[in-house]
PDB file of N, CA and C in Angstrom:
ATOM      1  N   MET A   1      20.087  10.360 -10.997  1.00  0.00           N
ATOM      2  CA  MET A   1      19.825  11.632 -11.626  1.00  0.00           C
ATOM      3  C   MET A   1      18.331  11.735 -11.927  1.00  0.00           C
ATOM      4  N   LYS A   2      17.741  12.806 -11.516  1.00  0.00           N
ATOM      5  CA  LYS A   2      16.316  12.996 -11.738  1.00  0.00           C
ATOM      6  C   LYS A   2      16.105  13.547 -13.137  1.00  0.00           C
ATOM      7  N   SER A   3      15.108  13.017 -13.815  1.00  0.00           N
ATOM      8  CA  SER A   3      14.880  13.436 -15.192  1.00  0.00           C
ATOM      9  C   SER A   3      13.465  13.935 -15.444  1.00  0.00           C
ATOM     10  N   ALA A   4      12.632  13.974 -14.432  1.00  0.00           N
ATOM     11  CA  ALA A   4      11.260  14.434 -14.611  1.00  0.00           C
ATOM     12  C   ALA A   4      10.851  15.276 -13.411  1.00  0.00           C
ATOM     13  N   VAL A   5       9.828  16.081 -13.627  1.00  0.00           N
ATOM     14  CA  VAL A   5       9.333  16.973 -12.585  1.00  0.00           C
ATOM     15  C   VAL A   5       7.858  16.690 -12.361  1.00  0.00           C
ATOM     16  N   ILE A   6       7.457  16.656 -11.099  1.00  0.00           N
ATOM     17  CA  ILE A   6       6.039  16.530 -10.773  1.00  0.00           C
ATOM     18  C   ILE A   6       5.455  17.935 -10.831  1.00  0.00           C
ATOM     19  N   PRO A   7       4.293  18.085 -11.439  1.00  0.00           N
ATOM     20  CA  PRO A   7       3.713  19.428 -11.562  1.00  0.00           C
ATOM     21  C   PRO A   7       3.438  20.071 -10.208  1.00  0.00           C
ATOM     22  N   GLN A   8       3.538  21.393 -10.189  1.00  0.00           N
ATOM     23  CA  GLN A   8       3.183  22.120  -8.978  1.00  0.00           C
ATOM     24  C   GLN A   8       1.694  21.962  -8.727  1.00  0.00           C
ATOM     25  N   VAL A   9       1.338  21.933  -7.467  1.00  0.00           N
ATOM     26  CA  VAL A   9      -0.068  21.798  -7.095  1.00  0.00           C
ATOM     27  C   VAL A   9      -0.423  22.955  -6.172  1.00  0.00           C
ATOM     28  N   ARG A  10      -1.463  23.670  -6.511  1.00  0.00           N
ATOM     29  CA  ARG A  10      -1.918  24.762  -5.651  1.00  0.00           C
ATOM     30  C   ARG A  10      -2.798  24.165  -4.562  1.00  0.00           C
ATOM     31  N   VAL A  11      -2.531  24.588  -3.334  1.00  0.00           N
ATOM     32  CA  VAL A  11      -3.308  24.102  -2.191  1.00  0.00           C
ATOM     33  C   VAL A  11      -3.726  25.288  -1.338  1.00  0.00           C
ATOM     34  N   GLU A  12      -4.693  25.036  -0.482  1.00  0.00           N
ATOM     35  CA  GLU A  12      -5.134  26.083   0.439  1.00  0.00           C
ATOM     36  C   GLU A  12      -4.002  26.393   1.420  1.00  0.00           C
ATOM     37  N   ALA A  13      -3.989  27.616   1.890  1.00  0.00           N
ATOM     38  CA  ALA A  13      -2.946  28.052   2.811  1.00  0.00           C
ATOM     39  C   ALA A  13      -2.909  27.178   4.066  1.00  0.00           C
ATOM     40  N   GLN A  14      -4.061  26.742   4.546  1.00  0.00           N
ATOM     41  CA  GLN A  14      -4.099  25.919   5.757  1.00  0.00           C
ATOM     42  C   GLN A  14      -3.425  24.574   5.536  1.00  0.00           C
ATOM     43  N   LEU A  15      -3.646  23.966   4.366  1.00  0.00           N
ATOM     44  CA  LEU A  15      -2.977  22.690   4.083  1.00  0.00           C
ATOM     45  C   LEU A  15      -1.470  22.891   4.046  1.00  0.00           C
ATOM     46  N   ARG A  16      -1.015  23.950   3.430  1.00  0.00           N
ATOM     47  CA  ARG A  16       0.430  24.223   3.384  1.00  0.00           C
ATOM     48  C   ARG A  16       0.977  24.431   4.795  1.00  0.00           C
ATOM     49  N   ALA A  17       0.236  25.144   5.630  1.00  0.00           N
ATOM     50  CA  ALA A  17       0.675  25.362   7.008  1.00  0.00           C
ATOM     51  C   ALA A  17       0.725  24.038   7.768  1.00  0.00           C
ATOM     52  N   ASP A  18      -0.290  23.193   7.564  1.00  0.00           N
ATOM     53  CA  ASP A  18      -0.305  21.880   8.216  1.00  0.00           C
ATOM     54  C   ASP A  18       0.881  21.043   7.749  1.00  0.00           C
ATOM     55  N   LEU A  19       1.199  21.118   6.483  1.00  0.00           N
ATOM     56  CA  LEU A  19       2.331  20.380   5.929  1.00  0.00           C
ATOM     57  C   LEU A  19       3.635  20.866   6.539  1.00  0.00           C
ATOM     58  N   ASP A  20       3.813  22.167   6.570  1.00  0.00           N
ATOM     59  CA  ASP A  20       5.034  22.717   7.165  1.00  0.00           C
ATOM     60  C   ASP A  20       5.175  22.294   8.626  1.00  0.00           C
ATOM     61  N   ALA A  21       4.053  22.172   9.324  1.00  0.00           N
ATOM     62  CA  ALA A  21       4.070  21.818  10.743  1.00  0.00           C
ATOM     63  C   ALA A  21       4.511  20.374  10.988  1.00  0.00           C
ATOM     64  N   VAL A  22       4.344  19.497  10.005  1.00  0.00           N
ATOM     65  CA  VAL A  22       4.698  18.088  10.217  1.00  0.00           C
ATOM     66  C   VAL A  22       6.032  17.695   9.603  1.00  0.00           C
ATOM     67  N   LEU A  23       6.691  18.622   8.926  1.00  0.00           N
ATOM     68  CA  LEU A  23       8.008  18.298   8.384  1.00  0.00           C
ATOM     69  C   LEU A  23       8.973  18.020   9.525  1.00  0.00           C
ATOM     70  N   ARG A  24       9.784  17.008   9.370  1.00  0.00           N
ATOM     71  CA  ARG A  24      10.778  16.667  10.388  1.00  0.00           C
ATOM     72  C   ARG A  24      11.973  17.614  10.275  1.00  0.00           C
ATOM     73  N   PRO A  25      12.724  17.733  11.337  1.00  0.00           N
ATOM     74  CA  PRO A  25      13.891  18.613  11.289  1.00  0.00           C
ATOM     75  C   PRO A  25      14.815  18.242  10.118  1.00  0.00           C
ATOM     76  N   GLY A  26      15.143  19.215   9.308  1.00  0.00           N
ATOM     77  CA  GLY A  26      16.023  18.983   8.166  1.00  0.00           C
ATOM     78  C   GLY A  26      15.323  18.451   6.932  1.00  0.00           C
ATOM     79  N   GLU A  27      14.062  18.076   7.049  1.00  0.00           N
ATOM     80  CA  GLU A  27      13.318  17.538   5.910  1.00  0.00           C
ATOM     81  C   GLU A  27      12.787  18.695   5.067  1.00  0.00           C
ATOM     82  N   THR A  28      12.917  18.547   3.763  1.00  0.00           N
ATOM     83  CA  THR A  28      12.404  19.579   2.875  1.00  0.00           C
ATOM     84  C   THR A  28      11.020  19.202   2.369  1.00  0.00           C
ATOM     85  N   LEU A  29      10.318  20.203   1.889  1.00  0.00           N
ATOM     86  CA  LEU A  29       9.006  19.962   1.301  1.00  0.00           C
ATOM     87  C   LEU A  29       9.139  19.012   0.114  1.00  0.00           C
ATOM     88  N   THR A  30      10.167  19.194  -0.673  1.00  0.00           N
ATOM     89  CA  THR A  30      10.394  18.328  -1.836  1.00  0.00           C
ATOM     90  C   THR A  30      10.573  16.876  -1.414  1.00  0.00           C
ATOM     91  N   GLU A  31      11.362  16.639  -0.369  1.00  0.00           N
ATOM     92  CA  GLU A  31      11.570  15.266   0.116  1.00  0.00           C
ATOM     93  C   GLU A  31      10.259  14.662   0.603  1.00  0.00           C
ATOM     94  N   PHE A  32       9.484  15.461   1.319  1.00  0.00           N
ATOM     95  CA  PHE A  32       8.203  14.980   1.830  1.00  0.00           C
ATOM     96  C   PHE A  32       7.264  14.608   0.687  1.00  0.00           C
ATOM     97  N   VAL A  33       7.175  15.485  -0.299  1.00  0.00           N
ATOM     98  CA  VAL A  33       6.277  15.231  -1.431  1.00  0.00           C
ATOM     99  C   VAL A  33       6.735  13.996  -2.203  1.00  0.00           C
ATOM    100  N   GLU A  34       8.036  13.885  -2.446  1.00  0.00           N
ATOM    101  CA  GLU A  34       8.542  12.729  -3.181  1.00  0.00           C
ATOM    102  C   GLU A  34       8.247  11.422  -2.437  1.00  0.00           C
ATOM    103  N   ALA A  35       8.492  11.410  -1.131  1.00  0.00           N
ATOM    104  CA  ALA A  35       8.226  10.200  -0.340  1.00  0.00           C
ATOM    105  C   ALA A  35       6.741   9.864  -0.345  1.00  0.00           C
ATOM    106  N   SER A  36       5.912  10.881  -0.244  1.00  0.00           N
ATOM    107  CA  SER A  36       4.462  10.663  -0.244  1.00  0.00           C
ATOM    108  C   SER A  36       3.989  10.093  -1.571  1.00  0.00           C
ATOM    109  N   VAL A  37       4.515  10.635  -2.657  1.00  0.00           N
ATOM    110  CA  VAL A  37       4.128  10.150  -3.989  1.00  0.00           C
ATOM    111  C   VAL A  37       4.602   8.710  -4.176  1.00  0.00           C
ATOM    112  N   ARG A  38       5.818   8.417  -3.743  1.00  0.00           N
ATOM    113  CA  ARG A  38       6.317   7.035  -3.860  1.00  0.00           C
ATOM    114  C   ARG A  38       5.420   6.053  -3.099  1.00  0.00           C
ATOM    115  N   ARG A  39       5.024   6.423  -1.872  1.00  0.00           N
ATOM    116  CA  ARG A  39       4.142   5.543  -1.081  1.00  0.00           C
ATOM    117  C   ARG A  39       2.790   5.369  -1.774  1.00  0.00           C
ATOM    118  N   ALA A  40       2.259   6.443  -2.332  1.00  0.00           N
ATOM    119  CA  ALA A  40       0.963   6.373  -3.011  1.00  0.00           C
ATOM    120  C   ALA A  40       1.048   5.478  -4.249  1.00  0.00           C
ATOM    121  N   VAL A  41       2.141   5.591  -4.989  1.00  0.00           N
ATOM    122  CA  VAL A  41       2.329   4.747  -6.176  1.00  0.00           C
ATOM    123  C   VAL A  41       2.413   3.278  -5.770  1.00  0.00           C
ATOM    124  N   GLU A  42       3.187   2.985  -4.736  1.00  0.00           N
ATOM    125  CA  GLU A  42       3.314   1.599  -4.272  1.00  0.00           C
ATOM    126  C   GLU A  42       1.976   1.063  -3.779  1.00  0.00           C
ATOM    127  N   TYR A  43       1.223   1.890  -3.061  1.00  0.00           N
ATOM    128  CA  TYR A  43      -0.093   1.490  -2.570  1.00  0.00           C
ATOM    129  C   TYR A  43      -1.013   1.153  -3.739  1.00  0.00           C
ATOM    130  N   ARG A  44      -1.003   1.983  -4.760  1.00  0.00           N
ATOM    131  CA  ARG A  44      -1.843   1.719  -5.935  1.00  0.00           C
ATOM    132  C   ARG A  44      -1.417   0.434  -6.630  1.00  0.00           C
ATOM    133  N   ARG A  45      -0.090   0.185  -6.702  1.00  0.00           N
ATOM    134  CA  ARG A  45       0.399  -1.060  -7.310  1.00  0.00           C
ATOM    135  C   ARG A  45      -0.117  -2.266  -6.541  1.00  0.00           C
ATOM    136  N   VAL A  46      -0.041  -2.197  -5.224  1.00  0.00           N
ATOM    137  CA  VAL A  46      -0.517  -3.305  -4.386  1.00  0.00           C
ATOM    138  C   VAL A  46      -2.013  -3.510  -4.607  1.00  0.00           C
ATOM    139  N   GLN A  47      -2.772  -2.424  -4.653  1.00  0.00           N
ATOM    140  CA  GLN A  47      -4.217  -2.526  -4.897  1.00  0.00           C
ATOM    141  C   GLN A  47      -4.497  -3.182  -6.243  1.00  0.00           C
ATOM    142  N   THR A  48      -3.787  -2.744  -7.272  1.00  0.00           N
ATOM    143  CA  THR A  48      -3.991  -3.270  -8.621  1.00  0.00           C
ATOM    144  C   THR A  48      -3.644  -4.751  -8.680  1.00  0.00           C
ATOM    145  N   ASP A  49      -2.517  -5.129  -8.075  1.00  0.00           N
ATOM    146  CA  ASP A  49      -2.113  -6.542  -8.060  1.00  0.00           C
ATOM    147  C   ASP A  49      -3.136  -7.389  -7.315  1.00  0.00           C
ATOM    148  N   PHE A  50      -3.634  -6.876  -6.188  1.00  0.00           N
ATOM    149  CA  PHE A  50      -4.626  -7.605  -5.405  1.00  0.00           C
ATOM    150  C   PHE A  50      -5.899  -7.807  -6.230  1.00  0.00           C
ATOM    151  N   ALA A  51      -6.359  -6.758  -6.889  1.00  0.00           N
ATOM    152  CA  ALA A  51      -7.569  -6.857  -7.700  1.00  0.00           C
ATOM    153  C   ALA A  51      -7.381  -7.871  -8.829  1.00  0.00           C
ATOM    154  N   ALA A  52      -6.198  -7.891  -9.432  1.00  0.00           N
ATOM    155  CA  ALA A  52      -5.925  -8.852 -10.507  1.00  0.00           C
ATOM    156  C   ALA A  52      -5.963 -10.283  -9.977  1.00  0.00           C
ATOM    157  N   ARG A  53      -5.386 -10.496  -8.785  1.00  0.00           N
ATOM    158  CA  ARG A  53      -5.427 -11.842  -8.203  1.00  0.00           C
ATOM    159  C   ARG A  53      -6.859 -12.256  -7.878  1.00  0.00           C
ATOM    160  N   CYS A  54      -7.658 -11.297  -7.407  1.00  0.00           N
ATOM    161  CA  CYS A  54      -9.066 -11.586  -7.106  1.00  0.00           C
ATOM    162  C   CYS A  54      -9.817 -11.991  -8.367  1.00  0.00           C
ATOM    163  N   GLU A  55      -9.614 -11.225  -9.425  1.00  0.00           N
ATOM    164  CA  GLU A  55     -10.293 -11.528 -10.686  1.00  0.00           C
ATOM    165  C   GLU A  55      -9.862 -12.886 -11.229  1.00  0.00           C
ATOM    166  N   GLU A  56      -8.574 -13.180 -11.126  1.00  0.00           N
ATOM    167  CA  GLU A  56      -8.067 -14.470 -11.586  1.00  0.00           C
ATOM    168  C   GLU A  56      -8.661 -15.616 -10.764  1.00  0.00           C
ATOM    169  N   SER A  57      -8.735 -15.416  -9.469  1.00  0.00           N
ATOM    170  CA  SER A  57      -9.296 -16.432  -8.589  1.00  0.00           C
ATOM    171  C   SER A  57     -10.772 -16.666  -8.900  1.00  0.00           C
ATOM    172  N   LEU A  58     -11.495 -15.588  -9.102  1.00  0.00           N
ATOM    173  CA  LEU A  58     -12.915 -15.722  -9.436  1.00  0.00           C
ATOM    174  C   LEU A  58     -13.094 -16.431 -10.765  1.00  0.00           C
ATOM    175  N   ALA A  59     -12.281 -16.090 -11.747  1.00  0.00           N
ATOM    176  CA  ALA A  59     -12.372 -16.742 -13.058  1.00  0.00           C
ATOM    177  C   ALA A  59     -12.086 -18.232 -12.939  1.00  0.00           C
ATOM    178  N   THR A  60     -11.094 -18.578 -12.127  1.00  0.00           N
ATOM    179  CA  THR A  60     -10.768 -19.991 -11.912  1.00  0.00           C
ATOM    180  C   THR A  60     -11.944 -20.708 -11.253  1.00  0.00           C
ATOM    181  N   TYR A  61     -12.538 -20.085 -10.250  1.00  0.00           N
ATOM    182  CA  TYR A  61     -13.686 -20.687  -9.588  1.00  0.00           C
ATOM    183  C   TYR A  61     -14.848 -20.862 -10.565  1.00  0.00           C
ATOM    184  N   GLU A  62     -15.123 -19.839 -11.349  1.00  0.00           N
ATOM    185  CA  GLU A  62     -16.235 -19.929 -12.304  1.00  0.00           C
ATOM    186  C   GLU A  62     -15.981 -20.999 -13.353  1.00  0.00           C
ATOM    187  N   ARG A  63     -14.717 -21.203 -13.725  1.00  0.00           N
ATOM    188  CA  ARG A  63     -14.368 -22.205 -14.726  1.00  0.00           C
ATOM    189  C   ARG A  63     -14.412 -23.615 -14.154  1.00  0.00           C
ATOM    190  N   THR A  64     -13.937 -23.780 -12.897  1.00  0.00           N
ATOM    191  CA  THR A  64     -13.798 -25.122 -12.333  1.00  0.00           C
ATOM    192  C   THR A  64     -14.849 -25.469 -11.289  1.00  0.00           C
ATOM    193  N   GLY A  65     -15.399 -24.443 -10.634  1.00  0.00           N
ATOM    194  CA  GLY A  65     -16.350 -24.700  -9.554  1.00  0.00           C
ATOM    195  C   GLY A  65     -15.672 -25.141  -8.265  1.00  0.00           C
ATOM    196  N   VAL A  66     -14.358 -25.125  -8.245  1.00  0.00           N
ATOM    197  CA  VAL A  66     -13.596 -25.551  -7.079  1.00  0.00           C
ATOM    198  C   VAL A  66     -13.182 -24.316  -6.274  1.00  0.00           C
ATOM    199  N   SER A  67     -13.423 -24.381  -4.973  1.00  0.00           N
ATOM    200  CA  SER A  67     -13.020 -23.269  -4.112  1.00  0.00           C
ATOM    201  C   SER A  67     -12.457 -23.815  -2.800  1.00  0.00           C
ATOM    202  N   ILE A  68     -11.860 -22.947  -2.037  1.00  0.00           N
ATOM    203  CA  ILE A  68     -11.321 -23.315  -0.735  1.00  0.00           C
ATOM    204  C   ILE A  68     -12.261 -22.735   0.317  1.00  0.00           C
ATOM    205  N   PRO A  69     -12.717 -23.562   1.251  1.00  0.00           N
ATOM    206  CA  PRO A  69     -13.617 -23.056   2.282  1.00  0.00           C
ATOM    207  C   PRO A  69     -12.988 -21.909   3.076  1.00  0.00           C
ATOM    208  N   ALA A  70     -13.800 -20.925   3.432  1.00  0.00           N
ATOM    209  CA  ALA A  70     -13.326 -19.747   4.156  1.00  0.00           C
ATOM    210  C   ALA A  70     -12.626 -20.133   5.460  1.00  0.00           C
ATOM    211  N   ASP A  71     -13.135 -21.127   6.158  1.00  0.00           N
ATOM    212  CA  ASP A  71     -12.509 -21.553   7.417  1.00  0.00           C
ATOM    213  C   ASP A  71     -11.066 -22.017   7.197  1.00  0.00           C
ATOM    214  N   ASP A  72     -10.825 -22.712   6.088  1.00  0.00           N
ATOM    215  CA  ASP A  72      -9.462 -23.168   5.779  1.00  0.00           C
ATOM    216  C   ASP A  72      -8.546 -21.976   5.490  1.00  0.00           C
ATOM    217  N   VAL A  73      -9.052 -21.018   4.735  1.00  0.00           N
ATOM    218  CA  VAL A  73      -8.264 -19.829   4.400  1.00  0.00           C
ATOM    219  C   VAL A  73      -7.932 -19.057   5.670  1.00  0.00           C
ATOM    220  N   LEU A  74      -8.932 -18.832   6.513  1.00  0.00           N
ATOM    221  CA  LEU A  74      -8.712 -18.082   7.749  1.00  0.00           C
ATOM    222  C   LEU A  74      -7.743 -18.805   8.674  1.00  0.00           C
ATOM    223  N   SER A  75      -7.859 -20.107   8.754  1.00  0.00           N
ATOM    224  CA  SER A  75      -6.957 -20.894   9.588  1.00  0.00           C
ATOM    225  C   SER A  75      -5.519 -20.757   9.106  1.00  0.00           C
ATOM    226  N   THR A  76      -5.318 -20.825   7.814  1.00  0.00           N
ATOM    227  CA  THR A  76      -3.978 -20.675   7.242  1.00  0.00           C
ATOM    228  C   THR A  76      -3.420 -19.286   7.532  1.00  0.00           C
ATOM    229  N   LEU A  77      -4.250 -18.269   7.368  1.00  0.00           N
ATOM    230  CA  LEU A  77      -3.812 -16.898   7.634  1.00  0.00           C
ATOM    231  C   LEU A  77      -3.473 -16.704   9.111  1.00  0.00           C
ATOM    232  N   GLU A  78      -4.271 -17.264   9.993  1.00  0.00           N
ATOM    233  CA  GLU A  78      -4.002 -17.157  11.429  1.00  0.00           C
ATOM    234  C   GLU A  78      -2.668 -17.809  11.787  1.00  0.00           C
ATOM    235  N   LYS A  79      -2.378 -18.951  11.179  1.00  0.00           N
ATOM    236  CA  LYS A  79      -1.104 -19.628  11.423  1.00  0.00           C
ATOM    237  C   LYS A  79       0.065 -18.771  10.945  1.00  0.00           C
ATOM    238  N   LYS A  80      -0.101 -18.121   9.795  1.00  0.00           N
ATOM    239  CA  LYS A  80       0.959 -17.252   9.281  1.00  0.00           C
ATOM    240  C   LYS A  80       1.189 -16.068  10.212  1.00  0.00           C
ATOM    241  N   VAL A  81       0.117 -15.482  10.699  1.00  0.00           N
ATOM    242  CA  VAL A  81       0.233 -14.350  11.623  1.00  0.00           C
ATOM    243  C   VAL A  81       0.919 -14.791  12.905  1.00  0.00           C
ATOM    244  N   GLU A  82       0.505 -15.917  13.451  1.00  0.00           N
ATOM    245  CA  GLU A  82       1.110 -16.424  14.680  1.00  0.00           C
ATOM    246  C   GLU A  82       2.608 -16.669  14.494  1.00  0.00           C
ATOM    247  N   ALA A  83       2.981 -17.264  13.366  1.00  0.00           N
ATOM    248  CA  ALA A  83       4.398 -17.528  13.099  1.00  0.00           C
ATOM    249  C   ALA A  83       5.178 -16.238  12.965  1.00  0.00           C
ATOM    250  N   ARG A  84       4.601 -15.255  12.306  1.00  0.00           N
ATOM    251  CA  ARG A  84       5.277 -13.965  12.139  1.00  0.00           C
ATOM    252  C   ARG A  84       5.445 -13.243  13.481  1.00  0.00           C
ATOM    253  N   VAL A  85       4.405 -13.268  14.292  1.00  0.00           N
ATOM    254  CA  VAL A  85       4.476 -12.632  15.621  1.00  0.00           C
ATOM    255  C   VAL A  85       5.559 -13.312  16.452  1.00  0.00           C
ATOM    256  N   LYS A  86       5.599 -14.627  16.377  1.00  0.00           N
ATOM    257  CA  LYS A  86       6.607 -15.383  17.130  1.00  0.00           C
ATOM    258  C   LYS A  86       8.014 -14.987  16.686  1.00  0.00           C
ATOM    259  N   ARG A  87       8.244 -14.860  15.362  1.00  0.00           N
ATOM    260  CA  ARG A  87       9.550 -14.466  14.857  1.00  0.00           C
ATOM    261  C   ARG A  87       9.913 -13.049  15.280  1.00  0.00           C
ATOM    262  N   LEU A  88       8.942 -12.156  15.263  1.00  0.00           N
ATOM    263  CA  LEU A  88       9.206 -10.761  15.624  1.00  0.00           C
ATOM    264  C   LEU A  88       9.511 -10.590  17.102  1.00  0.00           C
ATOM    265  N   ARG A  89       8.949 -11.453  17.925  1.00  0.00           N
ATOM    266  CA  ARG A  89       9.169 -11.340  19.373  1.00  0.00           C
ATOM    267  C   ARG A  89      10.525 -11.884  19.801  1.00  0.00           C
ATOM    268  N   LYS A  90      11.181 -12.641  18.945  1.00  0.00           N
ATOM    269  CA  LYS A  90      12.503 -13.218  19.284  1.00  0.00           C
ATOM    270  C   LYS A  90      13.562 -12.174  19.235  1.00  0.00           C
TER     271      LYS A  90
END
């Protein structure tokens, strides 16, 4: 059950026309706006969490002086990507 309303937003006629042009068959403007807002909220959450991890990592480095060499980090990330690609191709 929905209990809140997102405020109406006035937009230029061209933006509204562009929006109407990309709606999928059977999709309503309300559904499109809701999905877009949900994606934007999730994106902001991911950004905020990432920034917090960065700040925490920097604070740890400044406190301890211990860091992981960039080559090690990149190597680990490359291995993760390779493993994921391999799983997806199966």
